[in-house]
């Protein structure tokens, strides 16, 4: 694939002791892709990504994969707080929830898939570590959001996906609940990798993790409620991961 080049100054050295084993997907969340690139290349912004994928399928590289781009921000996954040093970051042009969130065009997703496959060929990134920005920063971020076609990426060989369990009536957990059931739920989310407390309170952080998980794996209803479908889908995800079930 043809990848255009534009240089961002916002990068530094990776930690050589930590392998690149995360692929992190974002949306730009700005009014235009051109404006997003200008921001990612502005020294004052102190943010960047390795690549930007435009809606017409154009790919622009801003930072060499060997360098630590500044895209994850304050984040956490499976005990790691410096996701930037372990990841390759792709910004996918979309106005996002603030500017008129819309479906991602097919040509854009085709280009993202090709780009991801190349990255996966260069780095030992397992499917379960192809993540959303909202997965690693659920209290701060929503991207790439519930319209992002994770299933399509999985079918092309990128990332983990399982059929979400159907939404059905039944018991659920939500904000304000507490007790052993909440503690067990949070333990399962931690087992996958989410940064979530070890207590038994369904607090704001728990709700944010449930929302992030729903956006990624059960996008039909994103409400922060741990219903039967959400919990069953989480179990399906864990069962699909080596050593996690």
C-alpha atoms as a PDB file:
ATOM      1  CA  UNK A   1       0.000   0.000   0.000  1.00  0.00           C
ATOM      2  CA  UNK A   2       1.064   3.598  -0.599  1.00  0.00           C
ATOM      3  CA  UNK A   3       1.834   5.472   2.612  1.00  0.00           C
ATOM      4  CA  UNK A   4       2.452   9.203   2.457  1.00  0.00           C
ATOM      5  CA  UNK A   5       4.877  10.828   4.861  1.00  0.00           C
ATOM      6  CA  UNK A   6       4.491  13.840   7.137  1.00  0.00           C
ATOM      7  CA  UNK A   7       6.779  14.442  10.102  1.00  0.00           C
ATOM      8  CA  UNK A   8       5.559  14.999  13.636  1.00  0.00           C
ATOM      9  CA  UNK A   9       8.145  16.168  16.174  1.00  0.00           C
ATOM     10  CA  UNK A  10       6.143  14.635  19.011  1.00  0.00           C
ATOM     11  CA  UNK A  11       7.965  11.393  19.769  1.00  0.00           C
ATOM     12  CA  UNK A  12      10.859  10.026  21.780  1.00  0.00           C
ATOM     13  CA  UNK A  13      12.751   6.778  22.354  1.00  0.00           C
ATOM     14  CA  UNK A  14      10.945   3.555  23.217  1.00  0.00           C
ATOM     15  CA  UNK A  15      11.924   1.540  26.282  1.00  0.00           C
ATOM     16  CA  UNK A  16      14.124  -1.182  24.725  1.00  0.00           C
ATOM     17  CA  UNK A  17      13.188  -3.585  27.525  1.00  0.00           C
ATOM     18  CA  UNK A  18       9.523  -3.591  26.489  1.00  0.00           C
ATOM     19  CA  UNK A  19       8.386  -5.148  23.201  1.00  0.00           C
ATOM     20  CA  UNK A  20       5.840  -3.502  20.940  1.00  0.00           C
ATOM     21  CA  UNK A  21       2.887  -5.772  21.650  1.00  0.00           C
ATOM     22  CA  UNK A  22      -0.167  -3.465  21.452  1.00  0.00           C
ATOM     23  CA  UNK A  23      -1.913  -1.964  18.436  1.00  0.00           C
ATOM     24  CA  UNK A  24      -4.024   0.967  19.598  1.00  0.00           C
ATOM     25  CA  UNK A  25      -6.819   2.383  17.428  1.00  0.00           C
ATOM     26  CA  UNK A  26      -8.241   5.889  17.820  1.00  0.00           C
ATOM     27  CA  UNK A  27     -10.487   8.266  15.980  1.00  0.00           C
ATOM     28  CA  UNK A  28      -9.273  11.812  15.412  1.00  0.00           C
ATOM     29  CA  UNK A  29     -12.381  13.433  16.942  1.00  0.00           C
ATOM     30  CA  UNK A  30     -11.853  16.701  15.069  1.00  0.00           C
ATOM     31  CA  UNK A  31     -13.788  18.589  12.408  1.00  0.00           C
ATOM     32  CA  UNK A  32     -11.372  17.581   9.631  1.00  0.00           C
ATOM     33  CA  UNK A  33      -8.594  15.127   8.971  1.00  0.00           C
ATOM     34  CA  UNK A  34      -6.316  17.892   7.754  1.00  0.00           C
ATOM     35  CA  UNK A  35      -6.834  19.748  11.012  1.00  0.00           C
ATOM     36  CA  UNK A  36      -6.055  16.594  12.944  1.00  0.00           C
ATOM     37  CA  UNK A  37      -2.760  16.118  11.104  1.00  0.00           C
ATOM     38  CA  UNK A  38      -1.801  19.734  11.758  1.00  0.00           C
ATOM     39  CA  UNK A  39      -2.502  19.215  15.462  1.00  0.00           C
ATOM     40  CA  UNK A  40      -0.579  15.955  15.611  1.00  0.00           C
ATOM     41  CA  UNK A  41       2.381  17.682  13.962  1.00  0.00           C
ATOM     42  CA  UNK A  42       2.258  20.776  16.168  1.00  0.00           C
ATOM     43  CA  UNK A  43       4.997  20.764  18.830  1.00  0.00           C
ATOM     44  CA  UNK A  44       2.683  22.628  21.195  1.00  0.00           C
ATOM     45  CA  UNK A  45       0.107  19.808  21.148  1.00  0.00           C
ATOM     46  CA  UNK A  46       2.495  17.199  22.595  1.00  0.00           C
ATOM     47  CA  UNK A  47       0.427  14.486  20.894  1.00  0.00           C
ATOM     48  CA  UNK A  48       1.049  12.360  17.819  1.00  0.00           C
ATOM     49  CA  UNK A  49       0.433   8.958  16.326  1.00  0.00           C
ATOM     50  CA  UNK A  50       2.350   6.682  14.025  1.00  0.00           C
ATOM     51  CA  UNK A  51      -0.301   6.802  11.298  1.00  0.00           C
ATOM     52  CA  UNK A  52      -3.422   8.679  10.235  1.00  0.00           C
ATOM     53  CA  UNK A  53      -6.027   6.915   8.079  1.00  0.00           C
ATOM     54  CA  UNK A  54      -8.224   9.288   6.058  1.00  0.00           C
ATOM     55  CA  UNK A  55     -11.804   8.587   5.011  1.00  0.00           C
ATOM     56  CA  UNK A  56     -10.762   8.223   1.345  1.00  0.00           C
ATOM     57  CA  UNK A  57      -8.261   5.492   2.248  1.00  0.00           C
ATOM     58  CA  UNK A  58      -5.155   7.689   2.240  1.00  0.00           C
ATOM     59  CA  UNK A  59      -2.606   6.709   4.893  1.00  0.00           C
ATOM     60  CA  UNK A  60      -0.103   9.204   6.278  1.00  0.00           C
ATOM     61  CA  UNK A  61       2.788   8.190   8.520  1.00  0.00           C
ATOM     62  CA  UNK A  62       3.775  10.786  11.112  1.00  0.00           C
ATOM     63  CA  UNK A  63       6.198   8.844  13.332  1.00  0.00           C
ATOM     64  CA  UNK A  64       8.486   5.906  12.578  1.00  0.00           C
ATOM     65  CA  UNK A  65       7.325   2.691  14.261  1.00  0.00           C
ATOM     66  CA  UNK A  66      10.679   2.449  16.000  1.00  0.00           C
ATOM     67  CA  UNK A  67       9.905   5.603  17.962  1.00  0.00           C
ATOM     68  CA  UNK A  68       7.495   6.186  20.841  1.00  0.00           C
ATOM     69  CA  UNK A  69       4.617   8.302  19.525  1.00  0.00           C
ATOM     70  CA  UNK A  70       2.498  10.189  22.074  1.00  0.00           C
ATOM     71  CA  UNK A  71      -1.019   8.915  21.420  1.00  0.00           C
ATOM     72  CA  UNK A  72      -2.231   6.891  24.416  1.00  0.00           C
ATOM     73  CA  UNK A  73      -1.974   9.547  27.132  1.00  0.00           C
ATOM     74  CA  UNK A  74      -2.746   8.492  30.681  1.00  0.00           C
ATOM     75  CA  UNK A  75      -3.644   4.848  30.179  1.00  0.00           C
ATOM     76  CA  UNK A  76      -3.502   1.350  31.654  1.00  0.00           C
ATOM     77  CA  UNK A  77      -3.690  -2.174  30.305  1.00  0.00           C
ATOM     78  CA  UNK A  78      -2.758  -5.445  32.006  1.00  0.00           C
ATOM     79  CA  UNK A  79      -0.502  -3.669  34.490  1.00  0.00           C
ATOM     80  CA  UNK A  80       1.249  -1.415  31.970  1.00  0.00           C
ATOM     81  CA  UNK A  81       0.916   2.349  32.398  1.00  0.00           C
ATOM     82  CA  UNK A  82       3.205   3.434  29.563  1.00  0.00           C
ATOM     83  CA  UNK A  83       1.164   2.156  26.635  1.00  0.00           C
ATOM     84  CA  UNK A  84       3.016   4.487  24.280  1.00  0.00           C
ATOM     85  CA  UNK A  85       6.263   2.553  24.592  1.00  0.00           C
ATOM     86  CA  UNK A  86       4.518  -0.775  23.902  1.00  0.00           C
ATOM     87  CA  UNK A  87       2.213   0.258  21.085  1.00  0.00           C
ATOM     88  CA  UNK A  88       1.748   1.412  17.546  1.00  0.00           C
ATOM     89  CA  UNK A  89      -0.996   4.040  17.300  1.00  0.00           C
ATOM     90  CA  UNK A  90      -3.357   4.674  14.392  1.00  0.00           C
ATOM     91  CA  UNK A  91      -5.591   7.746  14.261  1.00  0.00           C
ATOM     92  CA  UNK A  92      -8.626   7.068  12.060  1.00  0.00           C
ATOM     93  CA  UNK A  93     -10.225  10.197  10.666  1.00  0.00           C
ATOM     94  CA  UNK A  94     -13.753  10.574  12.031  1.00  0.00           C
ATOM     95  CA  UNK A  95     -15.341  13.640  13.658  1.00  0.00           C
ATOM     96  CA  UNK A  96     -16.186  11.561  16.713  1.00  0.00           C
ATOM     97  CA  UNK A  97     -18.986  11.948  19.208  1.00  0.00           C
ATOM     98  CA  UNK A  98     -18.364  15.674  19.681  1.00  0.00           C
ATOM     99  CA  UNK A  99     -18.390  16.702  16.002  1.00  0.00           C
ATOM    100  CA  UNK A 100     -20.962  14.380  14.391  1.00  0.00           C
ATOM    101  CA  UNK A 101     -19.953  10.742  14.815  1.00  0.00           C
ATOM    102  CA  UNK A 102     -20.645   8.712  11.688  1.00  0.00           C
ATOM    103  CA  UNK A 103     -19.941   5.270  10.220  1.00  0.00           C
ATOM    104  CA  UNK A 104     -16.461   4.635   8.875  1.00  0.00           C
ATOM    105  CA  UNK A 105     -16.379   4.358   5.041  1.00  0.00           C
ATOM    106  CA  UNK A 106     -15.544   0.973   3.535  1.00  0.00           C
ATOM    107  CA  UNK A 107     -12.512   2.336   1.685  1.00  0.00           C
ATOM    108  CA  UNK A 108     -11.148   3.722   4.938  1.00  0.00           C
ATOM    109  CA  UNK A 109     -11.590   0.427   6.780  1.00  0.00           C
ATOM    110  CA  UNK A 110      -9.995  -1.492   3.893  1.00  0.00           C
ATOM    111  CA  UNK A 111      -6.953   0.774   4.219  1.00  0.00           C
ATOM    112  CA  UNK A 112      -6.898   0.392   8.011  1.00  0.00           C
ATOM    113  CA  UNK A 113      -6.992  -3.391   7.665  1.00  0.00           C
ATOM    114  CA  UNK A 114      -4.093  -3.395   5.207  1.00  0.00           C
ATOM    115  CA  UNK A 115      -2.118  -1.085   7.476  1.00  0.00           C
ATOM    116  CA  UNK A 116      -2.826  -3.227  10.546  1.00  0.00           C
ATOM    117  CA  UNK A 117      -1.819  -6.422   8.776  1.00  0.00           C
ATOM    118  CA  UNK A 118       1.523  -4.862   7.908  1.00  0.00           C
ATOM    119  CA  UNK A 119       2.046  -3.737  11.500  1.00  0.00           C
ATOM    120  CA  UNK A 120       1.121  -7.181  12.837  1.00  0.00           C
ATOM    121  CA  UNK A 121       3.672  -8.686  10.463  1.00  0.00           C
ATOM    122  CA  UNK A 122       6.388  -6.523  12.005  1.00  0.00           C
ATOM    123  CA  UNK A 123       5.512  -6.806  15.695  1.00  0.00           C
ATOM    124  CA  UNK A 124       4.448  -9.696  17.999  1.00  0.00           C
ATOM    125  CA  UNK A 125       0.981  -8.310  18.768  1.00  0.00           C
ATOM    126  CA  UNK A 126      -1.587 -10.968  19.777  1.00  0.00           C
ATOM    127  CA  UNK A 127      -5.216 -10.480  18.675  1.00  0.00           C
ATOM    128  CA  UNK A 128      -6.428  -9.624  22.182  1.00  0.00           C
ATOM    129  CA  UNK A 129      -4.002  -6.686  22.324  1.00  0.00           C
ATOM    130  CA  UNK A 130      -5.480  -4.898  19.323  1.00  0.00           C
ATOM    131  CA  UNK A 131      -7.324  -2.363  21.453  1.00  0.00           C
ATOM    132  CA  UNK A 132      -9.443   0.763  21.417  1.00  0.00           C
ATOM    133  CA  UNK A 133      -8.251   3.966  23.013  1.00  0.00           C
ATOM    134  CA  UNK A 134     -11.360   3.701  25.196  1.00  0.00           C
ATOM    135  CA  UNK A 135     -10.201   0.285  26.424  1.00  0.00           C
ATOM    136  CA  UNK A 136      -6.993   1.671  27.893  1.00  0.00           C
ATOM    137  CA  UNK A 137      -8.450   5.011  29.074  1.00  0.00           C
ATOM    138  CA  UNK A 138     -12.155   4.338  29.721  1.00  0.00           C
ATOM    139  CA  UNK A 139     -12.732   7.330  31.994  1.00  0.00           C
ATOM    140  CA  UNK A 140     -11.335   9.749  29.405  1.00  0.00           C
ATOM    141  CA  UNK A 141     -11.922   8.356  25.937  1.00  0.00           C
ATOM    142  CA  UNK A 142     -14.727   7.045  23.709  1.00  0.00           C
ATOM    143  CA  UNK A 143     -12.815   6.226  20.540  1.00  0.00           C
ATOM    144  CA  UNK A 144     -12.974   4.703  18.055  1.00  0.00           C
ATOM    145  CA  UNK A 145     -16.499   4.114  19.352  1.00  0.00           C
ATOM    146  CA  UNK A 146     -19.425   1.795  18.889  1.00  0.00           C
ATOM    147  CA  UNK A 147     -19.626   2.302  15.101  1.00  0.00           C
ATOM    148  CA  UNK A 148     -16.132   0.958  14.511  1.00  0.00           C
ATOM    149  CA  UNK A 149     -16.357  -2.432  12.705  1.00  0.00           C
ATOM    150  CA  UNK A 150     -14.238  -4.642  14.950  1.00  0.00           C
ATOM    151  CA  UNK A 151     -15.854  -7.777  13.535  1.00  0.00           C
ATOM    152  CA  UNK A 152     -14.771  -6.861  10.017  1.00  0.00           C
ATOM    153  CA  UNK A 153     -11.187  -6.357  11.170  1.00  0.00           C
ATOM    154  CA  UNK A 154     -11.232  -9.716  12.955  1.00  0.00           C
ATOM    155  CA  UNK A 155     -12.531 -11.484   9.868  1.00  0.00           C
ATOM    156  CA  UNK A 156      -9.591 -10.012   7.943  1.00  0.00           C
ATOM    157  CA  UNK A 157      -7.110 -11.273  10.545  1.00  0.00           C
ATOM    158  CA  UNK A 158      -6.865  -8.231  12.830  1.00  0.00           C
ATOM    159  CA  UNK A 159      -7.873  -8.367  16.483  1.00  0.00           C
ATOM    160  CA  UNK A 160     -10.168 -10.452  18.653  1.00  0.00           C
ATOM    161  CA  UNK A 161     -13.928 -10.680  18.197  1.00  0.00           C
ATOM    162  CA  UNK A 162     -16.644 -13.026  19.432  1.00  0.00           C
ATOM    163  CA  UNK A 163     -20.353 -12.973  18.610  1.00  0.00           C
ATOM    164  CA  UNK A 164     -21.957 -10.891  21.369  1.00  0.00           C
ATOM    165  CA  UNK A 165     -24.496 -12.700  23.514  1.00  0.00           C
ATOM    166  CA  UNK A 166     -28.075 -11.671  22.693  1.00  0.00           C
ATOM    167  CA  UNK A 167     -29.681  -8.966  24.793  1.00  0.00           C
ATOM    168  CA  UNK A 168     -32.336 -10.544  26.998  1.00  0.00           C
ATOM    169  CA  UNK A 169     -34.216  -9.779  30.211  1.00  0.00           C
ATOM    170  CA  UNK A 170     -32.605 -10.864  33.446  1.00  0.00           C
ATOM    171  CA  UNK A 171     -30.549  -9.749  36.434  1.00  0.00           C
ATOM    172  CA  UNK A 172     -27.984  -7.010  35.996  1.00  0.00           C
ATOM    173  CA  UNK A 173     -25.490  -4.846  37.859  1.00  0.00           C
ATOM    174  CA  UNK A 174     -25.260  -1.099  37.525  1.00  0.00           C
ATOM    175  CA  UNK A 175     -23.920   2.069  39.141  1.00  0.00           C
ATOM    176  CA  UNK A 176     -24.446   2.101  42.906  1.00  0.00           C
ATOM    177  CA  UNK A 177     -24.502  -1.668  43.355  1.00  0.00           C
ATOM    178  CA  UNK A 178     -22.003  -3.401  45.608  1.00  0.00           C
ATOM    179  CA  UNK A 179     -21.221  -6.857  46.898  1.00  0.00           C
ATOM    180  CA  UNK A 180     -19.615 -10.131  45.808  1.00  0.00           C
ATOM    181  CA  UNK A 181     -21.233 -10.100  42.363  1.00  0.00           C
ATOM    182  CA  UNK A 182     -19.694  -6.752  41.553  1.00  0.00           C
ATOM    183  CA  UNK A 183     -16.326  -7.886  42.888  1.00  0.00           C
ATOM    184  CA  UNK A 184     -16.434 -10.995  40.703  1.00  0.00           C
ATOM    185  CA  UNK A 185     -17.364  -8.941  37.637  1.00  0.00           C
ATOM    186  CA  UNK A 186     -14.487  -6.531  38.205  1.00  0.00           C
ATOM    187  CA  UNK A 187     -12.098  -9.432  38.648  1.00  0.00           C
ATOM    188  CA  UNK A 188     -13.112 -10.776  35.213  1.00  0.00           C
ATOM    189  CA  UNK A 189     -12.560  -7.390  33.593  1.00  0.00           C
ATOM    190  CA  UNK A 190      -9.128  -7.176  35.254  1.00  0.00           C
ATOM    191  CA  UNK A 191      -8.399 -10.681  33.974  1.00  0.00           C
ATOM    192  CA  UNK A 192      -8.899  -9.423  30.435  1.00  0.00           C
ATOM    193  CA  UNK A 193      -6.698  -6.379  31.025  1.00  0.00           C
ATOM    194  CA  UNK A 194      -8.882  -3.433  31.978  1.00  0.00           C
ATOM    195  CA  UNK A 195      -7.698  -1.070  34.690  1.00  0.00           C
ATOM    196  CA  UNK A 196     -10.415  -1.469  37.321  1.00  0.00           C
ATOM    197  CA  UNK A 197     -10.389  -1.515  41.125  1.00  0.00           C
ATOM    198  CA  UNK A 198     -10.309  -4.627  43.270  1.00  0.00           C
ATOM    199  CA  UNK A 199     -13.154  -3.575  45.557  1.00  0.00           C
ATOM    200  CA  UNK A 200     -16.797  -4.624  45.278  1.00  0.00           C
ATOM    201  CA  UNK A 201     -18.293  -1.221  44.403  1.00  0.00           C
ATOM    202  CA  UNK A 202     -19.928  -0.510  41.042  1.00  0.00           C
ATOM    203  CA  UNK A 203     -18.470   2.983  40.891  1.00  0.00           C
ATOM    204  CA  UNK A 204     -17.876   5.463  38.070  1.00  0.00           C
ATOM    205  CA  UNK A 205     -14.721   3.637  37.018  1.00  0.00           C
ATOM    206  CA  UNK A 206     -16.591   0.347  36.783  1.00  0.00           C
ATOM    207  CA  UNK A 207     -19.338   1.927  34.698  1.00  0.00           C
ATOM    208  CA  UNK A 208     -16.725   3.436  32.368  1.00  0.00           C
ATOM    209  CA  UNK A 209     -15.096   0.033  31.859  1.00  0.00           C
ATOM    210  CA  UNK A 210     -18.473  -1.575  31.107  1.00  0.00           C
ATOM    211  CA  UNK A 211     -19.181   1.168  28.551  1.00  0.00           C
ATOM    212  CA  UNK A 212     -15.758   0.691  26.933  1.00  0.00           C
ATOM    213  CA  UNK A 213     -16.263  -3.069  26.753  1.00  0.00           C
ATOM    214  CA  UNK A 214     -19.719  -2.636  25.237  1.00  0.00           C
ATOM    215  CA  UNK A 215     -18.416  -0.207  22.619  1.00  0.00           C
ATOM    216  CA  UNK A 216     -15.824  -2.772  21.572  1.00  0.00           C
ATOM    217  CA  UNK A 217     -17.632  -6.091  21.937  1.00  0.00           C
ATOM    218  CA  UNK A 218     -21.393  -5.465  22.426  1.00  0.00           C
ATOM    219  CA  UNK A 219     -22.148  -2.247  20.510  1.00  0.00           C
ATOM    220  CA  UNK A 220     -25.883  -2.902  20.070  1.00  0.00           C
ATOM    221  CA  UNK A 221     -26.519  -1.254  23.455  1.00  0.00           C
ATOM    222  CA  UNK A 222     -23.947   0.962  25.155  1.00  0.00           C
ATOM    223  CA  UNK A 223     -25.392   1.925  28.530  1.00  0.00           C
ATOM    224  CA  UNK A 224     -22.858   0.991  31.218  1.00  0.00           C
ATOM    225  CA  UNK A 225     -25.163  -1.664  32.673  1.00  0.00           C
ATOM    226  CA  UNK A 226     -23.638  -5.097  33.205  1.00  0.00           C
ATOM    227  CA  UNK A 227     -26.612  -7.086  31.948  1.00  0.00           C
ATOM    228  CA  UNK A 228     -26.667 -10.782  31.082  1.00  0.00           C
ATOM    229  CA  UNK A 229     -25.538 -10.087  27.527  1.00  0.00           C
ATOM    230  CA  UNK A 230     -22.535  -8.008  28.609  1.00  0.00           C
ATOM    231  CA  UNK A 231     -21.397 -10.540  31.204  1.00  0.00           C
ATOM    232  CA  UNK A 232     -21.865 -13.478  28.834  1.00  0.00           C
ATOM    233  CA  UNK A 233     -19.985 -11.656  26.074  1.00  0.00           C
ATOM    234  CA  UNK A 234     -17.120 -10.983  28.479  1.00  0.00           C
ATOM    235  CA  UNK A 235     -16.975 -14.695  29.254  1.00  0.00           C
ATOM    236  CA  UNK A 236     -16.884 -15.463  25.518  1.00  0.00           C
ATOM    237  CA  UNK A 237     -14.000 -13.039  25.060  1.00  0.00           C
ATOM    238  CA  UNK A 238     -12.038 -14.606  27.910  1.00  0.00           C
ATOM    239  CA  UNK A 239     -12.727 -18.093  26.581  1.00  0.00           C
ATOM    240  CA  UNK A 240     -11.287 -17.077  23.213  1.00  0.00           C
ATOM    241  CA  UNK A 241      -8.000 -15.996  24.786  1.00  0.00           C
ATOM    242  CA  UNK A 242      -5.253 -18.511  25.562  1.00  0.00           C
ATOM    243  CA  UNK A 243      -4.951 -19.002  29.313  1.00  0.00           C
ATOM    244  CA  UNK A 244      -7.707 -16.534  30.218  1.00  0.00           C
ATOM    245  CA  UNK A 245     -10.867 -18.635  30.492  1.00  0.00           C
END
